[in-house]
């Protein structure tokens, strides 16, 4: 199933993961040590807020 999401979304997701969750990449690296991360609830909250704001600013959320 294809979506009509803007091309910027993967960029925003990677930026949020790196800056807020301290996750270097969202690519699968086939290593538990590299693919699974422990994050705090406040980091998840901040990442969700940032994702919502990015969507709102792009016009995806009204």
N, C-alpha and C. Protein backbone atom coordinates (compact mmCIF):
# COMPACT_ATOMS: atom_id res chain seq x y z
N UNK A 1 0.84 -1.18 0.00
CA UNK A 1 0.00 0.00 0.00
C UNK A 1 0.89 1.24 0.00
N UNK A 2 0.66 2.13 -0.94
CA UNK A 2 1.43 3.35 -1.01
C UNK A 2 0.72 4.46 -0.24
N UNK A 3 1.53 5.36 0.30
CA UNK A 3 0.98 6.53 0.98
C UNK A 3 1.34 7.77 0.20
N UNK A 4 0.62 8.83 0.44
CA UNK A 4 0.89 10.11 -0.21
C UNK A 4 1.61 11.05 0.73
N UNK A 5 2.56 10.53 1.47
CA UNK A 5 3.27 11.37 2.43
C UNK A 5 4.36 12.18 1.73
N UNK A 6 4.63 13.35 2.24
CA UNK A 6 5.69 14.16 1.66
C UNK A 6 7.05 13.49 1.82
N UNK A 7 7.96 13.75 0.90
CA UNK A 7 9.30 13.15 0.94
C UNK A 7 10.09 13.61 2.15
N UNK A 8 9.72 14.71 2.79
CA UNK A 8 10.46 15.24 3.92
C UNK A 8 10.25 14.42 5.19
N UNK A 9 9.22 13.61 5.26
CA UNK A 9 8.93 12.88 6.49
C UNK A 9 10.09 11.99 6.93
N UNK A 10 10.69 11.18 6.05
CA UNK A 10 11.84 10.39 6.51
C UNK A 10 12.97 11.26 7.05
N UNK A 11 13.19 12.42 6.44
CA UNK A 11 14.21 13.34 6.93
C UNK A 11 13.87 13.81 8.34
N UNK A 12 12.61 14.22 8.56
CA UNK A 12 12.20 14.68 9.88
C UNK A 12 12.33 13.55 10.90
N UNK A 13 11.92 12.35 10.52
CA UNK A 13 11.99 11.21 11.45
C UNK A 13 13.43 10.93 11.85
N UNK A 14 14.33 10.93 10.88
CA UNK A 14 15.74 10.68 11.18
C UNK A 14 16.33 11.78 12.05
N UNK A 15 15.94 13.02 11.78
CA UNK A 15 16.44 14.15 12.56
C UNK A 15 15.94 14.06 14.01
N UNK A 16 14.67 13.75 14.19
CA UNK A 16 14.11 13.61 15.53
C UNK A 16 14.77 12.44 16.26
N UNK A 17 14.95 11.33 15.59
CA UNK A 17 15.59 10.16 16.21
C UNK A 17 16.99 10.50 16.69
N UNK A 18 17.73 11.23 15.85
CA UNK A 18 19.11 11.55 16.20
C UNK A 18 19.18 12.60 17.31
N UNK A 19 18.41 13.67 17.17
CA UNK A 19 18.53 14.80 18.10
C UNK A 19 17.84 14.56 19.44
N UNK A 20 16.72 13.87 19.43
CA UNK A 20 15.96 13.71 20.68
C UNK A 20 16.18 12.34 21.32
N UNK A 21 16.19 11.29 20.49
CA UNK A 21 16.29 9.94 21.04
C UNK A 21 17.73 9.41 21.05
N UNK A 22 18.66 10.18 20.51
CA UNK A 22 20.07 9.77 20.43
C UNK A 22 20.26 8.46 19.68
N UNK A 23 19.47 8.29 18.61
CA UNK A 23 19.57 7.11 17.76
C UNK A 23 20.23 7.56 16.46
N UNK A 24 21.37 7.00 16.16
CA UNK A 24 22.19 7.46 15.04
C UNK A 24 21.50 7.30 13.68
N UNK A 25 20.82 6.18 13.47
CA UNK A 25 20.16 5.94 12.19
C UNK A 25 18.89 5.13 12.42
N UNK A 26 17.94 5.25 11.50
CA UNK A 26 16.72 4.45 11.57
C UNK A 26 16.79 3.25 10.63
N UNK A 27 17.95 3.05 10.03
CA UNK A 27 18.16 1.89 9.16
C UNK A 27 18.37 0.64 9.99
N UNK A 28 17.84 -0.47 9.53
CA UNK A 28 18.06 -1.75 10.19
C UNK A 28 19.50 -2.18 9.95
N UNK A 29 20.17 -2.58 11.04
CA UNK A 29 21.57 -2.98 10.92
C UNK A 29 21.79 -4.43 11.30
N UNK A 30 20.71 -5.14 11.57
CA UNK A 30 20.75 -6.59 11.86
C UNK A 30 21.66 -6.94 13.03
N UNK A 31 21.58 -6.10 14.06
CA UNK A 31 22.34 -6.34 15.28
C UNK A 31 21.51 -5.81 16.44
N UNK A 32 21.23 -6.67 17.40
CA UNK A 32 20.43 -6.22 18.55
C UNK A 32 21.05 -4.99 19.20
N UNK A 33 22.35 -4.98 19.33
CA UNK A 33 23.04 -3.86 19.98
C UNK A 33 22.81 -2.55 19.23
N UNK A 34 22.67 -2.63 17.91
CA UNK A 34 22.50 -1.43 17.10
C UNK A 34 21.04 -1.11 16.77
N UNK A 35 20.17 -2.12 16.78
CA UNK A 35 18.79 -1.93 16.36
C UNK A 35 17.80 -1.71 17.50
N UNK A 36 18.18 -2.04 18.72
CA UNK A 36 17.27 -1.85 19.85
C UNK A 36 17.87 -0.80 20.79
N UNK A 37 17.01 0.11 21.23
CA UNK A 37 17.49 1.23 22.04
C UNK A 37 16.60 1.40 23.26
N UNK A 38 17.21 1.79 24.34
CA UNK A 38 16.48 2.11 25.56
C UNK A 38 16.29 3.62 25.59
N UNK A 39 15.04 4.06 25.61
CA UNK A 39 14.76 5.50 25.66
C UNK A 39 13.79 5.78 26.80
N UNK A 40 13.91 6.96 27.35
CA UNK A 40 13.04 7.34 28.46
C UNK A 40 11.68 7.79 27.94
N UNK A 41 10.70 7.79 28.82
CA UNK A 41 9.36 8.24 28.42
C UNK A 41 9.37 9.72 28.05
N UNK A 42 10.21 10.52 28.69
CA UNK A 42 10.24 11.95 28.36
C UNK A 42 10.88 12.17 26.99
N UNK A 43 11.83 11.30 26.61
CA UNK A 43 12.39 11.40 25.26
C UNK A 43 11.35 11.02 24.21
N UNK A 44 10.57 9.99 24.50
CA UNK A 44 9.50 9.59 23.59
C UNK A 44 8.47 10.71 23.48
N UNK A 45 8.10 11.30 24.61
CA UNK A 45 7.15 12.43 24.62
C UNK A 45 7.69 13.58 23.77
N UNK A 46 8.94 13.93 23.95
CA UNK A 46 9.53 15.03 23.20
C UNK A 46 9.61 14.71 21.70
N UNK A 47 9.91 13.46 21.37
CA UNK A 47 9.98 13.05 19.97
C UNK A 47 8.60 13.11 19.32
N UNK A 48 7.58 12.68 20.05
CA UNK A 48 6.21 12.75 19.52
C UNK A 48 5.76 14.19 19.32
N UNK A 49 6.09 15.05 20.26
CA UNK A 49 5.77 16.48 20.11
C UNK A 49 6.47 17.06 18.89
N UNK A 50 7.74 16.74 18.71
CA UNK A 50 8.51 17.25 17.58
C UNK A 50 7.92 16.74 16.26
N UNK A 51 7.52 15.47 16.23
CA UNK A 51 6.92 14.91 15.01
C UNK A 51 5.59 15.58 14.71
N UNK A 52 4.79 15.82 15.73
CA UNK A 52 3.51 16.50 15.53
C UNK A 52 3.74 17.90 14.99
N UNK A 53 4.67 18.62 15.58
CA UNK A 53 4.97 19.99 15.14
C UNK A 53 5.49 20.02 13.71
N UNK A 54 6.34 19.06 13.36
CA UNK A 54 6.84 18.99 11.99
C UNK A 54 5.70 18.75 11.02
N UNK A 55 4.76 17.88 11.38
CA UNK A 55 3.60 17.62 10.54
C UNK A 55 2.71 18.84 10.44
N UNK A 56 2.50 19.51 11.55
CA UNK A 56 1.66 20.70 11.57
C UNK A 56 2.25 21.79 10.68
N UNK A 57 3.55 22.00 10.81
CA UNK A 57 4.21 23.04 10.00
C UNK A 57 4.20 22.70 8.52
N UNK A 58 4.21 21.41 8.19
CA UNK A 58 4.21 21.02 6.78
C UNK A 58 2.81 21.05 6.18
N UNK A 59 1.80 21.24 7.04
CA UNK A 59 0.43 21.27 6.56
C UNK A 59 -0.25 19.92 6.58
N UNK A 60 0.45 18.90 7.05
CA UNK A 60 -0.14 17.55 7.09
C UNK A 60 -1.17 17.41 8.19
N UNK A 61 -1.06 18.21 9.25
CA UNK A 61 -2.01 18.19 10.37
C UNK A 61 -2.63 19.56 10.47
N UNK A 62 -3.93 19.61 10.54
CA UNK A 62 -4.61 20.91 10.64
C UNK A 62 -5.34 21.04 11.93
